[in-house]
Protein backbone atom coordinates (compact mmCIF):
# COMPACT_ATOMS: atom_id res chain seq x y z
CA UNK A 1 -23.95 14.91 -17.54
CA UNK A 2 -20.34 15.78 -16.81
CA UNK A 3 -17.81 13.74 -14.86
CA UNK A 4 -15.28 15.99 -13.21
CA UNK A 5 -11.74 14.82 -12.58
CA UNK A 6 -11.43 17.44 -9.88
CA UNK A 7 -10.48 16.02 -6.52
CA UNK A 8 -10.93 18.40 -3.64
CA UNK A 9 -8.96 17.37 -0.61
CA UNK A 10 -9.15 18.54 2.90
CA UNK A 11 -11.13 20.82 5.03
CA UNK A 12 -12.00 22.10 8.35
CA UNK A 13 -15.07 24.24 7.90
CA UNK A 14 -17.17 26.32 10.22
CA UNK A 15 -18.98 24.55 13.02
CA UNK A 16 -17.64 22.20 15.64
CA UNK A 17 -13.88 22.12 15.97
CA UNK A 18 -11.94 18.87 15.73
CA UNK A 19 -11.41 19.03 19.50
CA UNK A 20 -15.15 18.63 20.03
CA UNK A 21 -15.23 15.28 18.24
CA UNK A 22 -14.18 11.82 19.28
CA UNK A 23 -11.30 10.09 17.54
CA UNK A 24 -12.23 8.10 14.45
CA UNK A 25 -12.58 4.32 14.63
CA UNK A 26 -11.16 1.68 12.33
CA UNK A 27 -8.29 1.97 9.87
CA UNK A 28 -7.68 3.38 6.42
CA UNK A 29 -8.37 0.10 4.63
CA UNK A 30 -11.90 -0.27 6.09
CA UNK A 31 -14.43 1.87 4.22
CA UNK A 32 -17.89 2.55 5.67
CA UNK A 33 -20.19 3.40 2.78
CA UNK A 34 -23.37 5.35 3.44
CA UNK A 35 -25.94 5.16 0.64
CA UNK A 36 -29.65 4.69 0.10
CA UNK A 37 -30.38 0.92 0.21
CA UNK A 38 -32.28 1.06 -3.08
CA UNK A 39 -29.29 2.61 -4.85
CA UNK A 40 -26.90 0.20 -3.14
CA UNK A 41 -28.86 -2.78 -4.44
CA UNK A 42 -28.32 -1.49 -8.00
CA UNK A 43 -24.58 -0.80 -7.73
CA UNK A 44 -23.27 -3.16 -5.04
CA UNK A 45 -21.63 -5.62 -7.42
CA UNK A 46 -19.81 -2.93 -9.41
CA UNK A 47 -18.70 -1.00 -6.32
CA UNK A 48 -17.23 -4.05 -4.59
CA UNK A 49 -15.49 -5.19 -7.77
CA UNK A 50 -13.86 -1.76 -8.13
CA UNK A 51 -13.01 -0.93 -4.51
CA UNK A 52 -12.10 -4.41 -3.22
CA UNK A 53 -9.44 -5.59 -5.69
CA UNK A 54 -7.21 -8.40 -4.43
CA UNK A 55 -3.44 -8.76 -4.39
CA UNK A 56 -1.42 -11.90 -3.83
CA UNK A 57 0.57 -11.95 -0.60
CA UNK A 58 0.46 -15.38 1.01
CA UNK A 59 -3.15 -15.53 -0.15
CA UNK A 60 -5.62 -13.42 -2.08
CA UNK A 61 -5.92 -10.32 0.11
CA UNK A 62 -8.40 -7.51 -0.41
CA UNK A 63 -6.78 -4.11 -0.51
CA UNK A 64 -9.88 -2.48 1.01
CA UNK A 65 -13.01 -3.73 2.80
CA UNK A 66 -16.26 -1.92 2.00
CA UNK A 67 -19.21 -2.13 4.41
CA UNK A 68 -22.54 -0.62 3.39
CA UNK A 69 -24.69 1.10 6.01
CA UNK A 70 -28.13 2.67 5.72
CA UNK A 71 -27.67 6.32 6.77
CA UNK A 72 -31.35 6.55 7.69
CA UNK A 73 -31.03 4.00 10.50
CA UNK A 74 -30.31 4.86 14.13
CA UNK A 75 -26.83 3.26 14.09
CA UNK A 76 -25.62 5.79 11.53
CA UNK A 77 -24.74 8.32 14.25
CA UNK A 78 -22.10 5.93 15.60
CA UNK A 79 -21.00 4.32 12.36
CA UNK A 80 -20.27 7.64 10.68
CA UNK A 81 -17.39 8.14 13.12
CA UNK A 82 -15.15 5.65 11.31
CA UNK A 83 -11.83 6.79 9.88
CA UNK A 84 -12.62 6.11 6.22
CA UNK A 85 -16.14 7.19 5.21
CA UNK A 86 -17.71 7.13 1.76
CA UNK A 87 -21.05 8.93 1.46
CA UNK A 88 -23.07 8.58 -1.73
CA UNK A 89 -26.09 10.53 -2.90
CA UNK A 90 -27.45 13.85 -4.07
CA UNK A 91 -26.85 17.22 -2.44
CA UNK A 92 -30.26 17.01 -0.76
CA UNK A 93 -29.57 13.71 1.02
CA UNK A 94 -28.93 14.59 4.70
CA UNK A 95 -25.84 12.36 5.03
CA UNK A 96 -24.33 14.01 1.95
CA UNK A 97 -25.44 17.53 2.79
CA UNK A 98 -23.61 17.65 6.11
CA UNK A 99 -20.34 16.36 4.68
CA UNK A 100 -20.70 18.55 1.60
CA UNK A 101 -20.93 21.62 3.79
CA UNK A 102 -17.39 20.93 5.00
CA UNK A 103 -15.84 20.21 1.61
CA UNK A 104 -13.93 23.07 0.04
CA UNK A 105 -15.15 23.81 -3.46
CA UNK A 106 -18.57 22.26 -2.91
CA UNK A 107 -20.27 25.50 -3.99
CA UNK A 108 -18.87 25.00 -7.47
CA UNK A 109 -19.39 21.24 -7.55
CA UNK A 110 -21.20 19.84 -10.56
CA UNK A 111 -22.45 16.28 -10.11
CA UNK A 112 -21.36 13.64 -10.74
CA UNK A 113 -18.20 14.57 -8.84
CA UNK A 114 -15.84 13.35 -6.14
CA UNK A 115 -15.00 15.59 -3.21
CA UNK A 116 -13.29 14.97 0.12
CA UNK A 117 -13.42 16.55 3.57
CA UNK A 118 -11.58 15.87 6.80
CA UNK A 119 -12.86 15.57 10.37
CA UNK A 120 -16.55 15.84 9.52
CA UNK A 121 -17.88 13.59 12.31
CA UNK A 122 -14.67 12.51 14.08
CA UNK A 123 -11.03 13.49 14.43
CA UNK A 124 -8.50 11.98 12.01
CA UNK A 125 -11.31 11.12 9.62
CA UNK A 126 -11.46 11.33 5.83
CA UNK A 127 -14.89 11.56 4.24
CA UNK A 128 -15.17 10.97 0.50
CA UNK A 129 -18.32 12.26 -1.18
CA UNK A 130 -19.75 10.83 -4.37
CA UNK A 131 -22.04 13.68 -5.34
CA UNK A 132 -24.70 12.39 -7.74
CA UNK A 133 -27.33 14.11 -9.90
CA UNK A 134 -31.03 13.68 -9.23
CA UNK A 135 -31.53 11.43 -12.24
CA UNK A 136 -29.46 8.45 -13.37
CA UNK A 137 -27.78 7.96 -10.01
CA UNK A 138 -26.58 4.42 -10.63
CA UNK A 139 -25.04 5.25 -14.01
CA UNK A 140 -23.39 8.39 -12.60
CA UNK A 141 -21.92 6.45 -9.66
CA UNK A 142 -20.50 3.78 -11.95
CA UNK A 143 -18.84 6.43 -14.09
CA UNK A 144 -16.92 7.67 -11.02
CA UNK A 145 -15.66 4.27 -9.85
CA UNK A 146 -12.37 4.11 -11.81
CA UNK A 147 -11.30 7.53 -10.53
CA UNK A 148 -12.44 6.70 -7.01
CA UNK A 149 -10.40 3.48 -6.94
CA UNK A 150 -7.29 5.37 -8.08
CA UNK A 151 -7.82 7.98 -5.37
CA UNK A 152 -8.13 5.39 -2.61
CA UNK A 153 -5.11 3.43 -3.79
CA UNK A 154 -2.94 6.54 -4.17
CA UNK A 155 -3.86 7.85 -0.74
CA UNK A 156 -3.35 4.46 0.93
CA UNK A 157 0.09 4.12 -0.67
CA UNK A 158 1.01 7.58 0.57
CA UNK A 159 -0.20 6.69 4.06
CA UNK A 160 1.87 3.49 4.05
CA UNK A 161 4.98 5.44 3.03
CA UNK A 162 4.35 8.16 5.62
CA UNK A 163 4.04 5.50 8.33
CA UNK A 164 7.24 3.82 7.18
CA UNK A 165 9.28 7.01 7.25
CA UNK A 166 7.79 8.39 10.46
CA UNK A 167 11.21 7.91 12.12
CA UNK A 168 12.85 9.80 9.26
CA UNK A 169 14.78 8.85 6.15
CA UNK A 170 18.29 7.55 6.81
CA UNK A 171 20.11 9.66 4.23
CA UNK A 172 23.39 9.22 6.14
CA UNK A 173 23.17 5.46 5.61
CA UNK A 174 22.36 5.99 1.93
CA UNK A 175 25.54 8.10 1.59
CA UNK A 176 27.60 5.50 3.45
CA UNK A 177 26.37 2.69 1.24
CA UNK A 178 27.03 4.72 -1.88
CA UNK A 179 30.60 5.46 -0.83
CA UNK A 180 31.58 2.12 0.70
CA UNK A 181 29.42 -0.46 -1.09
CA UNK A 182 28.78 1.04 -4.51
CA UNK A 183 24.98 1.16 -4.25
CA UNK A 184 22.39 3.19 -2.39
CA UNK A 185 19.09 2.52 -0.58
CA UNK A 186 16.90 4.98 1.28
CA UNK A 187 15.66 3.23 4.41
CA UNK A 188 13.79 4.44 7.50
CA UNK A 189 16.08 5.17 10.43
CA UNK A 190 14.49 2.38 12.47
CA UNK A 191 16.21 -0.27 10.31
CA UNK A 192 19.50 -1.71 11.56
CA UNK A 193 22.07 -3.23 9.23
CA UNK A 194 25.17 -5.34 8.91
CA UNK A 195 27.28 -6.77 6.14
CA UNK A 196 29.64 -9.63 5.44
CA UNK A 197 31.82 -9.16 2.39
CA UNK A 198 29.39 -8.32 -0.45
CA UNK A 199 26.19 -9.27 1.42
CA UNK A 200 24.33 -6.39 3.09
CA UNK A 201 21.37 -7.07 5.38
CA UNK A 202 18.80 -4.49 6.56
CA UNK A 203 16.16 -5.41 9.13
CA UNK A 204 13.26 -3.91 11.05
CA UNK A 205 11.72 -6.29 13.60
CA UNK A 206 9.89 -3.76 15.74
CA UNK A 207 7.87 -4.12 17.89
CA UNK A 208 8.72 -7.82 18.23
CA UNK A 209 10.20 -10.29 15.73
CA UNK A 210 7.51 -12.83 16.63
CA UNK A 211 4.92 -10.33 15.32
CA UNK A 212 6.55 -8.47 12.44
CA UNK A 213 9.80 -8.64 10.44
CA UNK A 214 10.71 -6.60 7.37
CA UNK A 215 14.08 -7.53 5.93
CA UNK A 216 16.07 -6.70 2.82
CA UNK A 217 19.30 -8.15 1.50
CA UNK A 218 21.55 -6.74 -1.22
CA UNK A 219 24.44 -8.55 -2.85
CA UNK A 220 26.04 -8.73 -6.31
CA UNK A 221 28.07 -10.72 -8.79
CA UNK A 222 30.77 -9.38 -11.06
CA UNK A 223 31.26 -9.61 -13.97
CA UNK A 224 27.61 -9.56 -14.98
CA UNK A 225 26.50 -13.14 -15.77
CA UNK A 226 24.69 -13.80 -19.02
CA UNK A 227 21.03 -14.82 -19.09
CA UNK A 228 20.56 -14.99 -15.32
CA UNK A 229 16.79 -15.04 -14.86
CA UNK A 230 13.99 -17.02 -13.23
CA UNK A 231 15.29 -20.28 -11.80
CA UNK A 232 18.90 -19.06 -11.59
CA UNK A 233 17.86 -15.98 -9.59
CA UNK A 234 15.79 -18.14 -7.21
CA UNK A 235 18.80 -20.46 -6.72
CA UNK A 236 20.93 -17.41 -5.92
CA UNK A 237 18.32 -16.42 -3.34
CA UNK A 238 18.39 -19.90 -1.82
CA UNK A 239 22.16 -19.65 -1.39
CA UNK A 240 21.79 -16.18 0.13
CA UNK A 241 19.18 -17.36 2.64
CA UNK A 242 21.14 -20.50 3.58
CA UNK A 243 24.30 -18.54 4.26
CA UNK A 244 23.04 -15.31 5.79
CA UNK A 245 19.45 -15.54 7.07
CA UNK A 246 18.64 -16.63 10.62
CA UNK A 247 16.74 -19.59 9.15
CA UNK A 248 17.06 -21.16 5.67
CA UNK A 249 14.09 -20.50 3.40
CA UNK A 250 12.40 -22.34 0.58
CA UNK A 251 9.98 -20.82 -1.91
CA UNK A 252 6.41 -21.64 -2.90
CA UNK A 253 5.82 -20.74 -6.54
CA UNK A 254 2.11 -21.63 -6.62
CA UNK A 255 1.08 -18.03 -7.34
CA UNK A 256 4.36 -16.63 -8.62
CA UNK A 257 4.51 -13.41 -10.62
CA UNK A 258 7.76 -13.02 -12.52
CA UNK A 259 9.27 -11.32 -15.53
CA UNK A 260 11.77 -8.78 -16.87
CA UNK A 261 11.24 -5.04 -16.57
CA UNK A 262 13.10 -1.79 -17.10
CA UNK A 263 14.40 -0.20 -13.90
CA UNK A 264 15.61 3.37 -14.44
CA UNK A 265 17.06 2.36 -17.77
CA UNK A 266 18.74 -0.79 -16.40
CA UNK A 267 17.79 -4.34 -17.28
CA UNK A 268 16.00 -5.94 -14.34
CA UNK A 269 14.03 -9.04 -13.44
CA UNK A 270 11.50 -9.51 -10.63
CA UNK A 271 10.00 -12.51 -8.87
CA UNK A 272 7.19 -12.17 -6.32
CA UNK A 273 6.07 -15.28 -4.49
CA UNK A 274 5.96 -16.82 -1.00
CA UNK A 275 8.84 -17.98 1.21
CA UNK A 276 8.64 -20.63 3.93
CA UNK A 277 11.00 -21.95 6.55
CA UNK A 278 12.50 -25.29 5.59
CA UNK A 279 11.10 -28.41 7.32
CA UNK A 280 14.09 -28.63 9.68
CA UNK A 281 13.53 -25.09 11.04
CA UNK A 282 12.76 -24.49 14.70
CA UNK A 283 9.24 -23.23 13.91
CA UNK A 284 6.98 -22.90 10.85
CA UNK A 285 6.97 -19.46 9.31
CA UNK A 286 6.39 -17.83 5.94
CA UNK A 287 5.36 -14.74 4.07
CA UNK A 288 5.63 -12.88 0.76
CA UNK A 289 8.88 -11.78 -0.84
CA UNK A 290 9.94 -9.54 -3.73
CA UNK A 291 13.16 -10.56 -5.45
CA UNK A 292 14.90 -8.36 -8.01
CA UNK A 293 18.03 -8.49 -10.09
CA UNK A 294 19.37 -5.23 -11.53
CA UNK A 295 22.28 -5.02 -13.96
CA UNK A 296 24.60 -2.02 -13.56
CA UNK A 297 26.95 -2.11 -16.59
CA UNK A 298 29.11 0.82 -15.45
CA UNK A 299 30.13 -1.26 -12.42
CA UNK A 300 29.95 -4.58 -14.26
CA UNK A 301 27.75 -5.83 -11.42
CA UNK A 302 24.50 -7.74 -11.30
CA UNK A 303 22.75 -6.87 -8.05
CA UNK A 304 20.33 -9.14 -6.23
CA UNK A 305 17.79 -7.45 -3.94
CA UNK A 306 15.59 -9.64 -1.74
CA UNK A 307 12.83 -8.10 0.40
CA UNK A 308 10.71 -10.38 2.56
CA UNK A 309 7.98 -9.99 5.13
CA UNK A 310 6.90 -11.96 8.19
CA UNK A 311 3.58 -10.68 9.55
CA UNK A 312 1.46 -13.57 10.87
CA UNK A 313 -2.22 -12.72 11.30
CA UNK A 314 -1.79 -9.22 9.84
CA UNK A 315 -2.97 -7.63 6.61
CA UNK A 316 0.15 -7.39 4.50
CA UNK A 317 -0.67 -4.90 1.75
CA UNK A 318 0.75 -1.83 3.48
CA UNK A 319 3.98 -3.64 4.38
CA UNK A 320 4.43 -4.83 0.80
CA UNK A 321 4.03 -1.22 -0.35
CA UNK A 322 6.76 -0.23 2.11
CA UNK A 323 9.17 -2.92 0.94
CA UNK A 324 8.47 -2.06 -2.69
CA UNK A 325 9.17 1.62 -1.93
CA UNK A 326 12.57 0.76 -0.44
CA UNK A 327 13.41 -1.46 -3.42
CA UNK A 328 12.45 1.40 -5.74
CA UNK A 329 14.97 3.66 -3.96
CA UNK A 330 17.88 1.43 -5.07
CA UNK A 331 20.51 3.03 -7.26
CA UNK A 332 23.96 2.15 -8.55
CA UNK A 333 26.54 4.51 -7.14
CA UNK A 334 27.87 5.32 -10.57
């Protein structure tokens, strides 16, 4: 038995055109899985453990939600029109056969293998195929799970970045910051910004600040302080929020993740936890934040970058990916 690392993306094959199909339902984080119930009973625990990992935002949040459906039941005709489909089985299973016929490279496929096809049963749909051999289906499926999880995570991250930059990358702002402030960030054009002395604020509160806020702040200290980590960085953030945010913030370190790391060859430190409005605020609010310090010796500056999210009632994973992507675009002008 051979496990192929080949991932075949994309396809519009012969047959109905995309215009003849309805638009796909759901979103990219909701996976409808079509598999024989007997097989599903054997592998359910392993599949959910692999494809529904959790991340800490303001709570344990699943990155994906997997819902099993029996493709032999009458509801399958409607359920297979979801945006993110995962079909599992052999080449002779009808629900696999139809999708397989639209996957480029399927003629050379050698199970167990992962293939993908677009717009099989609906427009704007991605169908992932776990092609299994006739014998040892459960073992073959389990062997593909690590690769499958990486594929889903990589594609979801790319989707989150594409959505963030749909208005375009503000390279003009990046050049302005590099020239005038001594650092650079690559933000979407939809962000607006302001600064006061050495504190720069960048904010996107579309469509409405009561529904969604993504904000970043950048400031620095010079000369570079010694041994400024952990509690000292959080105190610096508290001062930043008290002086420059619309409402002061306090932090909840119940599920904090913190530690030093190397950022493009520079010494850096990161704290990820939860912020909350202080008790005297006009309304209760909170959300996750990512706080980084980055030392730039050529400038003799220690930068502080604070990215926080307010998204009540929304899944936050994609927005955290977006904030992390902006933070990762930071560079010292020198």
